[in-house]
Amino acid sequence: MPEIDTQKDQTVAIDLAIRISLLTLLAYLSFAIVAPVLTILVWSAILTVALYPIYRWLAHWLNSPKFAAAFVTLLCMLVVLAPVTWLGFGLLNGVEVIVQKLDSGLSIPAPPESIKDWPIAGDQIYRLWTRAITDISSQLAELAPALKPVAGWLLQVASNVLIGLLKFLLSIIVAGFLFCPGPKLVKVLARIMERVLNPRGTEMVELAGATIRNISRGVLGVALLQSFLGGIGFLVAGVPGAGIFAFASLVLGILQIGPGVLFLPILVWSWMTQEALHALLFTAYMVPIGLLDNVLRPILMTRGLTTPMLVIVIGVIGGTIAYGIIGLFVGPIILSVAWELGQAWMNGTKSATA
């Protein structure tokens, strides 16, 4: 009898090992198939959650869920894809200009003659600027070779803009097909989470949705709007490297620093190089854009953002390095959701974002 029991135990162990191996192989093959389009699926889900209130309102108003989904998809292409496309190509062109400058040698432009006419200190500023050209230009000439590897890395990142834009387009299209079955998919996800995190699975799903809407609309949406409007101002004012400055303002907006720290020196440049009327109009246009986040963010976010800036910074940097331009948007959202869920789970209460 002991020998029979031993044989049965061995048979059960072998069967269990075979089942686990088959399940592991199936999971690996499934992940290998999904991995190339994983970022597209994640971004599609984020867009669906962020835009679902608009879709639901349109579906009720138009009495046609399919037409509402198509309309929101087209609207998203215009509102999201068009600015991102312009910013992406602006980044590519700006990086190419930087690389060319490094190849030809860095230099400081000569001061405009109009500075001499400035009251009180105009003549002194002109002389100091002229004197600084010789000293700083020699230092920049020594620094340029060390910066070339960095410029090459930036060019490699910027060259993936087309791939990132294609992922954006596919994500928006996929999101359009997720609006109609959205409630059913949420219920399925809630049931899965209830099995994993019983009895708080449904609460976690709701918290994740609230966090996605807060970050995507109150942070990413406002930053994208500011950078796009600011980029238009840069182009009209003739700011050199307008595309890369617009992209930098997008990153600063996502990091919650705000593009004001970038707008200020550009405004100073405009007053030093342009006519007074042009500089005044440029300033009058850029100042409200720099303050736009202070007005829109409290309106678009249901509660205050509780995710630490370090989490968002890591999400921006890591997402961009891992997935290119689409990771700039996906990275901070994923880490913010993970942070909020972790905080709610550890504290045993709903997070402030919910």
Protein backbone atom coordinates (compact mmCIF):
# COMPACT_ATOMS: atom_id res chain seq x y z
CA MET A 1 0.00 0.00 0.00
CA PRO A 2 2.72 2.57 0.76
CA GLU A 3 4.26 1.88 -2.66
CA ILE A 4 0.87 2.47 -4.36
CA ASP A 5 0.40 5.74 -2.46
CA THR A 6 3.90 6.81 -3.44
CA GLN A 7 3.19 6.05 -7.10
CA LYS A 8 -0.07 8.04 -6.90
CA ASP A 9 1.73 10.99 -5.34
CA GLN A 10 4.37 10.87 -8.05
CA THR A 11 1.69 10.72 -10.75
CA VAL A 12 -0.15 13.69 -9.23
CA ALA A 13 3.11 15.65 -8.97
CA ILE A 14 3.96 14.87 -12.60
CA ASP A 15 0.48 15.88 -13.76
CA LEU A 16 0.72 19.11 -11.78
CA ALA A 17 4.17 19.87 -13.21
CA ILE A 18 2.89 19.25 -16.75
CA ARG A 19 -0.11 21.53 -16.21
CA ILE A 20 2.03 24.30 -14.74
CA SER A 21 4.50 23.97 -17.61
CA LEU A 22 1.73 24.15 -20.21
CA LEU A 23 0.14 27.15 -18.49
CA THR A 24 3.54 28.86 -18.25
CA LEU A 25 4.22 28.17 -21.93
CA LEU A 26 0.77 29.48 -22.87
CA ALA A 27 1.28 32.61 -20.76
CA TYR A 28 4.70 33.21 -22.31
CA LEU A 29 3.42 32.78 -25.87
CA SER A 30 0.46 35.05 -25.16
CA PHE A 31 2.74 37.74 -23.73
CA ALA A 32 5.12 37.39 -26.70
CA ILE A 33 2.19 38.02 -29.04
CA VAL A 34 0.80 40.96 -27.06
CA ALA A 35 4.15 42.59 -26.13
CA PRO A 36 4.74 44.42 -29.47
CA VAL A 37 1.35 46.15 -29.19
CA LEU A 38 1.21 46.39 -25.39
CA THR A 39 1.81 50.15 -25.30
CA ILE A 40 -0.87 50.65 -27.96
CA LEU A 41 -3.39 48.65 -25.91
CA VAL A 42 -2.47 50.47 -22.69
CA TRP A 43 -2.76 53.90 -24.29
CA SER A 44 -6.06 52.86 -25.92
CA ALA A 45 -7.44 51.89 -22.51
CA ILE A 46 -6.23 55.19 -21.02
CA LEU A 47 -7.87 57.20 -23.80
CA THR A 48 -11.10 55.24 -23.40
CA VAL A 49 -11.27 55.88 -19.66
CA ALA A 50 -10.32 59.56 -20.03
CA LEU A 51 -12.81 60.29 -22.83
CA TYR A 52 -15.64 58.01 -21.72
CA PRO A 53 -17.66 60.79 -19.97
CA ILE A 54 -17.67 62.74 -23.26
CA TYR A 55 -18.70 59.62 -25.19
CA ARG A 56 -21.48 58.81 -22.73
CA TRP A 57 -22.89 62.35 -22.97
CA LEU A 58 -22.78 62.29 -26.78
CA ALA A 59 -24.31 58.82 -26.95
CA HIS A 60 -27.22 60.01 -24.81
CA TRP A 61 -27.62 63.25 -26.75
CA LEU A 62 -27.32 61.66 -30.22
CA ASN A 63 -29.12 58.45 -29.22
CA SER A 64 -26.49 56.51 -31.21
CA PRO A 65 -23.55 54.91 -29.35
CA LYS A 66 -21.71 53.97 -32.55
CA PHE A 67 -21.97 57.44 -34.04
CA ALA A 68 -20.85 58.95 -30.73
CA ALA A 69 -17.81 56.62 -30.64
CA ALA A 70 -16.88 57.58 -34.22
CA PHE A 71 -17.29 61.29 -33.44
CA VAL A 72 -15.13 61.11 -30.29
CA THR A 73 -12.47 59.16 -32.22
CA LEU A 74 -12.30 61.81 -34.96
CA LEU A 75 -12.29 64.58 -32.36
CA CYS A 76 -9.43 62.88 -30.52
CA MET A 77 -7.43 62.69 -33.75
CA LEU A 78 -7.83 66.42 -34.25
CA VAL A 79 -7.34 67.52 -30.64
CA VAL A 80 -4.62 65.07 -29.57
CA LEU A 81 -2.92 63.64 -32.65
CA ALA A 82 -2.50 66.93 -34.55
CA PRO A 83 -0.65 68.79 -31.75
CA VAL A 84 1.44 65.73 -30.87
CA THR A 85 2.40 65.33 -34.54
CA TRP A 86 3.51 68.95 -34.74
CA LEU A 87 5.41 68.70 -31.45
CA GLY A 88 7.05 65.44 -32.52
CA PHE A 89 8.33 66.81 -35.83
CA GLY A 90 9.30 70.04 -34.08
CA LEU A 91 11.42 68.01 -31.67
CA LEU A 92 13.05 66.16 -34.59
CA ASN A 93 13.86 69.39 -36.42
CA GLY A 94 15.11 71.06 -33.25
CA VAL A 95 17.46 68.18 -32.43
CA GLU A 96 18.80 68.24 -35.99
CA VAL A 97 19.55 71.95 -35.62
CA ILE A 98 21.39 71.29 -32.34
CA VAL A 99 23.46 68.55 -33.97
CA GLN A 100 24.36 70.85 -36.86
CA LYS A 101 25.36 73.60 -34.43
CA LEU A 102 27.61 71.18 -32.54
CA ASP A 103 29.20 70.02 -35.80
CA SER A 104 29.83 73.59 -36.99
CA GLY A 105 30.85 74.87 -33.57
CA LEU A 106 28.93 76.70 -30.86
CA SER A 107 28.98 80.47 -30.80
CA ILE A 108 27.14 83.39 -29.25
CA PRO A 109 25.45 85.85 -31.63
CA ALA A 110 26.64 89.45 -31.64
CA PRO A 111 24.46 91.92 -29.73
CA PRO A 112 22.01 93.96 -31.82
CA GLU A 113 22.84 97.62 -32.27
CA SER A 114 19.44 98.57 -30.82
CA ILE A 115 20.70 97.68 -27.32
CA LYS A 116 22.81 100.83 -27.34
CA ASP A 117 19.62 102.88 -27.42
CA TRP A 118 18.29 101.35 -24.18
CA PRO A 119 17.98 103.91 -21.40
CA ILE A 120 20.46 104.09 -18.51
CA ALA A 121 22.46 100.84 -19.04
CA GLY A 122 22.12 100.14 -22.78
CA ASP A 123 25.70 101.06 -23.70
CA GLN A 124 27.20 99.12 -20.78
CA ILE A 125 25.14 96.01 -21.64
CA TYR A 126 26.32 96.22 -25.26
CA ARG A 127 29.99 96.38 -24.22
CA LEU A 128 29.62 93.52 -21.71
CA TRP A 129 27.86 91.36 -24.28
CA THR A 130 30.55 92.06 -26.88
CA ARG A 131 33.30 91.26 -24.40
CA ALA A 132 31.59 88.02 -23.33
CA ILE A 133 31.43 86.73 -26.91
CA THR A 134 35.18 86.08 -27.05
CA ASP A 135 35.45 84.47 -23.59
CA ILE A 136 32.36 82.28 -23.69
CA SER A 137 32.74 81.26 -27.34
CA SER A 138 36.17 79.77 -26.63
CA GLN A 139 34.72 77.77 -23.73
CA LEU A 140 31.82 76.57 -25.86
CA ALA A 141 34.28 75.45 -28.54
CA GLU A 142 35.99 73.22 -25.97
CA LEU A 143 32.65 71.94 -24.64
CA ALA A 144 31.12 71.08 -28.03
CA PRO A 145 33.01 67.76 -28.60
CA ALA A 146 31.88 66.49 -25.18
CA LEU A 147 28.25 67.28 -26.02
CA LYS A 148 28.24 65.48 -29.38
CA PRO A 149 27.46 62.02 -27.88
CA VAL A 150 24.48 63.54 -26.04
CA ALA A 151 23.27 65.16 -29.26
CA GLY A 152 23.60 61.82 -31.05
CA TRP A 153 21.45 60.14 -28.38
CA LEU A 154 18.85 62.91 -28.69
CA LEU A 155 18.80 62.43 -32.45
CA GLN A 156 18.28 58.70 -32.01
CA VAL A 157 15.35 59.34 -29.64
CA ALA A 158 13.84 61.94 -31.95
CA SER A 159 14.17 59.65 -34.98
CA ASN A 160 11.56 57.35 -33.40
CA VAL A 161 8.95 60.10 -33.70
CA LEU A 162 7.29 58.49 -36.72
CA ILE A 163 6.92 55.17 -34.90
CA GLY A 164 5.49 56.95 -31.86
CA LEU A 165 2.99 58.89 -33.98
CA LEU A 166 1.89 55.68 -35.70
CA LYS A 167 1.30 54.12 -32.28
CA PHE A 168 -0.72 57.17 -31.31
CA LEU A 169 -2.91 56.81 -34.37
CA LEU A 170 -3.47 53.09 -33.81
CA SER A 171 -4.23 53.72 -30.12
CA ILE A 172 -6.90 56.26 -30.97
CA ILE A 173 -8.49 53.89 -33.50
CA VAL A 174 -8.50 50.99 -31.03
CA ALA A 175 -9.96 53.25 -28.34
CA GLY A 176 -12.82 54.06 -30.69
CA PHE A 177 -13.82 50.39 -30.66
CA LEU A 178 -13.64 50.19 -26.85
CA PHE A 179 -16.22 52.86 -26.06
CA CYS A 180 -19.33 50.75 -26.77
CA PRO A 181 -18.27 47.61 -24.84
CA GLY A 182 -16.61 49.76 -22.15
CA PRO A 183 -19.09 49.05 -19.31
CA LYS A 184 -18.93 45.28 -19.93
CA LEU A 185 -15.12 45.36 -19.93
CA VAL A 186 -15.10 47.31 -16.65
CA LYS A 187 -17.44 44.76 -15.05
CA VAL A 188 -15.20 41.89 -16.16
CA LEU A 189 -12.13 43.70 -14.81
CA ALA A 190 -13.95 44.41 -11.54
CA ARG A 191 -14.84 40.72 -11.13
CA ILE A 192 -11.22 39.74 -11.75
CA MET A 193 -10.00 42.31 -9.24
CA GLU A 194 -12.58 41.10 -6.70
CA ARG A 195 -11.07 37.63 -6.92
CA VAL A 196 -7.55 39.02 -6.49
CA LEU A 197 -8.17 41.84 -3.98
CA ASN A 198 -11.38 40.74 -2.32
CA PRO A 199 -13.28 42.68 -0.98
CA ARG A 200 -11.79 45.87 -2.46
CA GLY A 201 -11.46 44.94 -6.14
CA THR A 202 -14.28 47.15 -7.39
CA GLU A 203 -13.02 50.07 -5.32
CA MET A 204 -9.54 49.70 -6.85
CA VAL A 205 -10.99 49.69 -10.38
CA GLU A 206 -12.94 52.88 -9.65
CA LEU A 207 -9.85 54.48 -8.11
CA ALA A 208 -7.75 53.59 -11.17
CA GLY A 209 -10.35 55.16 -13.46
CA ALA A 210 -10.49 58.36 -11.39
CA THR A 211 -6.68 58.63 -11.37
CA ILE A 212 -6.46 58.13 -15.13
CA ARG A 213 -9.04 60.86 -15.74
CA ASN A 214 -7.31 63.26 -13.34
CA ILE A 215 -3.82 62.78 -14.79
CA SER A 216 -4.85 62.62 -18.45
CA ARG A 217 -7.08 65.69 -18.38
CA GLY A 218 -5.67 67.83 -15.57
CA VAL A 219 -1.97 67.19 -16.25
CA LEU A 220 -1.38 65.82 -19.75
CA GLY A 221 -4.25 67.66 -21.41
CA VAL A 222 -3.36 71.05 -19.95
CA ALA A 223 0.36 70.56 -20.68
CA LEU A 224 -0.40 69.58 -24.29
CA LEU A 225 -2.64 72.63 -24.76
CA GLN A 226 -0.07 75.00 -23.28
CA SER A 227 2.79 73.61 -25.36
CA PHE A 228 0.75 73.71 -28.58
CA LEU A 229 -0.43 77.30 -28.07
CA GLY A 230 3.05 78.31 -26.93
CA GLY A 231 4.57 76.66 -30.01
CA ILE A 232 2.27 78.68 -32.26
CA GLY A 233 3.47 81.85 -30.51
CA PHE A 234 7.11 80.77 -30.98
CA LEU A 235 6.56 80.22 -34.70
CA VAL A 236 4.80 83.54 -35.25
CA ALA A 237 7.46 85.41 -33.25
CA GLY A 238 10.27 83.71 -35.17
CA VAL A 239 11.86 82.07 -32.14
CA PRO A 240 14.78 79.84 -33.30
CA GLY A 241 14.12 76.17 -32.55
CA ALA A 242 10.42 76.78 -31.88
CA GLY A 243 9.60 73.06 -32.07
CA ILE A 244 12.09 71.95 -29.46
CA PHE A 245 11.07 74.79 -27.12
CA ALA A 246 7.42 73.76 -27.50
CA PHE A 247 8.35 70.16 -26.69
CA ALA A 248 10.35 71.33 -23.67
CA SER A 249 7.31 73.27 -22.42
CA LEU A 250 5.24 70.08 -22.77
CA VAL A 251 7.69 68.16 -20.59
CA LEU A 252 7.79 70.97 -18.01
CA GLY A 253 4.00 71.01 -17.91
CA ILE A 254 3.78 67.26 -17.34
CA LEU A 255 6.39 67.53 -14.57
CA GLN A 256 4.18 70.13 -12.82
CA ILE A 257 6.97 72.69 -13.03
CA GLY A 258 5.09 74.70 -15.63
CA PRO A 259 6.34 76.26 -18.87
CA GLY A 260 6.66 79.70 -17.27
CA VAL A 261 10.33 79.11 -16.44
CA LEU A 262 10.92 78.56 -20.16
CA PHE A 263 8.68 81.37 -21.40
CA LEU A 264 10.39 84.03 -19.28
CA PRO A 265 13.87 83.96 -20.95
CA ILE A 266 12.21 83.74 -24.38
CA LEU A 267 10.21 86.86 -23.59
CA VAL A 268 13.42 88.60 -22.51
CA TRP A 269 14.98 87.53 -25.82
CA SER A 270 12.05 89.00 -27.74
CA TRP A 271 12.46 92.39 -26.05
CA MET A 272 16.19 92.35 -26.83
CA THR A 273 15.94 91.37 -30.49
CA GLN A 274 12.56 92.57 -31.76
CA GLU A 275 10.74 95.84 -32.13
CA ALA A 276 8.88 97.04 -29.06
CA LEU A 277 5.41 96.54 -30.59
CA HIS A 278 6.16 92.97 -31.69
CA ALA A 279 7.68 92.11 -28.30
CA LEU A 280 4.66 93.62 -26.53
CA LEU A 281 2.20 91.58 -28.60
CA PHE A 282 4.26 88.42 -28.07
CA THR A 283 4.34 89.05 -24.32
CA ALA A 284 0.61 89.73 -24.18
CA TYR A 285 0.00 86.40 -25.93
CA MET A 286 2.46 84.25 -23.96
CA VAL A 287 1.71 85.44 -20.41
CA PRO A 288 -1.90 84.11 -20.35
CA ILE A 289 -0.71 80.82 -21.84
CA GLY A 290 1.89 80.50 -19.10
CA LEU A 291 -0.84 80.97 -16.48
CA LEU A 292 -3.34 78.69 -18.22
CA ASP A 293 -2.58 75.66 -16.03
CA ASN A 294 -3.48 77.63 -12.88
CA VAL A 295 -6.99 78.14 -14.27
CA LEU A 296 -7.74 74.88 -16.09
CA ARG A 297 -6.16 72.32 -13.79
CA PRO A 298 -8.45 72.96 -10.77
CA ILE A 299 -11.46 72.78 -13.12
CA LEU A 300 -10.46 69.55 -14.90
CA MET A 301 -9.25 67.67 -11.84
CA THR A 302 -11.97 66.49 -9.48
CA ARG A 303 -9.55 66.46 -6.54
CA GLY A 304 -6.04 67.67 -5.92
CA LEU A 305 -3.17 65.64 -7.34
CA THR A 306 -1.64 63.53 -4.56
CA THR A 307 0.96 61.72 -6.66
CA PRO A 308 4.47 62.97 -5.73
CA MET A 309 6.40 64.80 -8.42
CA LEU A 310 9.20 62.21 -8.21
CA VAL A 311 6.78 59.50 -9.38
CA ILE A 312 5.73 61.64 -12.35
CA VAL A 313 9.35 62.50 -13.19
CA ILE A 314 10.33 58.83 -13.19
CA GLY A 315 7.28 58.04 -15.32
CA VAL A 316 8.18 60.72 -17.87
CA ILE A 317 11.86 59.76 -18.12
CA GLY A 318 11.38 55.99 -17.98
CA GLY A 319 8.37 56.01 -20.30
CA THR A 320 10.15 58.14 -22.90
CA ILE A 321 13.31 56.00 -22.84
CA ALA A 322 11.36 52.75 -23.01
CA TYR A 323 8.56 53.63 -25.45
CA GLY A 324 9.50 56.89 -27.16
CA ILE A 325 7.10 59.79 -27.49
CA ILE A 326 4.06 57.71 -26.52
CA GLY A 327 5.84 56.76 -23.28
CA LEU A 328 5.99 60.45 -22.38
CA PHE A 329 2.23 60.26 -21.84
CA VAL A 330 1.77 56.63 -20.78
CA GLY A 331 4.63 56.51 -18.25
CA PRO A 332 3.37 59.08 -15.70
CA ILE A 333 -0.20 57.76 -15.93
CA ILE A 334 0.79 54.15 -15.22
CA LEU A 335 3.04 55.08 -12.29
CA SER A 336 0.42 57.48 -10.90
CA VAL A 337 -2.22 54.73 -11.00
CA ALA A 338 0.19 52.30 -9.33
CA TRP A 339 1.00 54.89 -6.65
CA GLU A 340 -2.64 55.67 -5.90
CA LEU A 341 -3.62 52.00 -5.75
CA GLY A 342 -0.66 51.23 -3.51
CA GLN A 343 -1.51 54.09 -1.17
CA ALA A 344 -5.18 53.06 -0.98
CA TRP A 345 -4.26 49.42 -0.35
CA MET A 346 -1.77 50.25 2.42
CA ASN A 347 -3.97 52.85 4.10
CA GLY A 348 -7.11 50.75 3.82
CA THR A 349 -9.09 53.77 2.62
CA LYS A 350 -9.85 55.45 -0.67
CA SER A 351 -7.15 57.71 -2.03
CA ALA A 352 -7.71 61.44 -2.30
CA THR A 353 -7.93 61.13 -6.07
CA ALA A 354 -11.04 59.00 -6.02
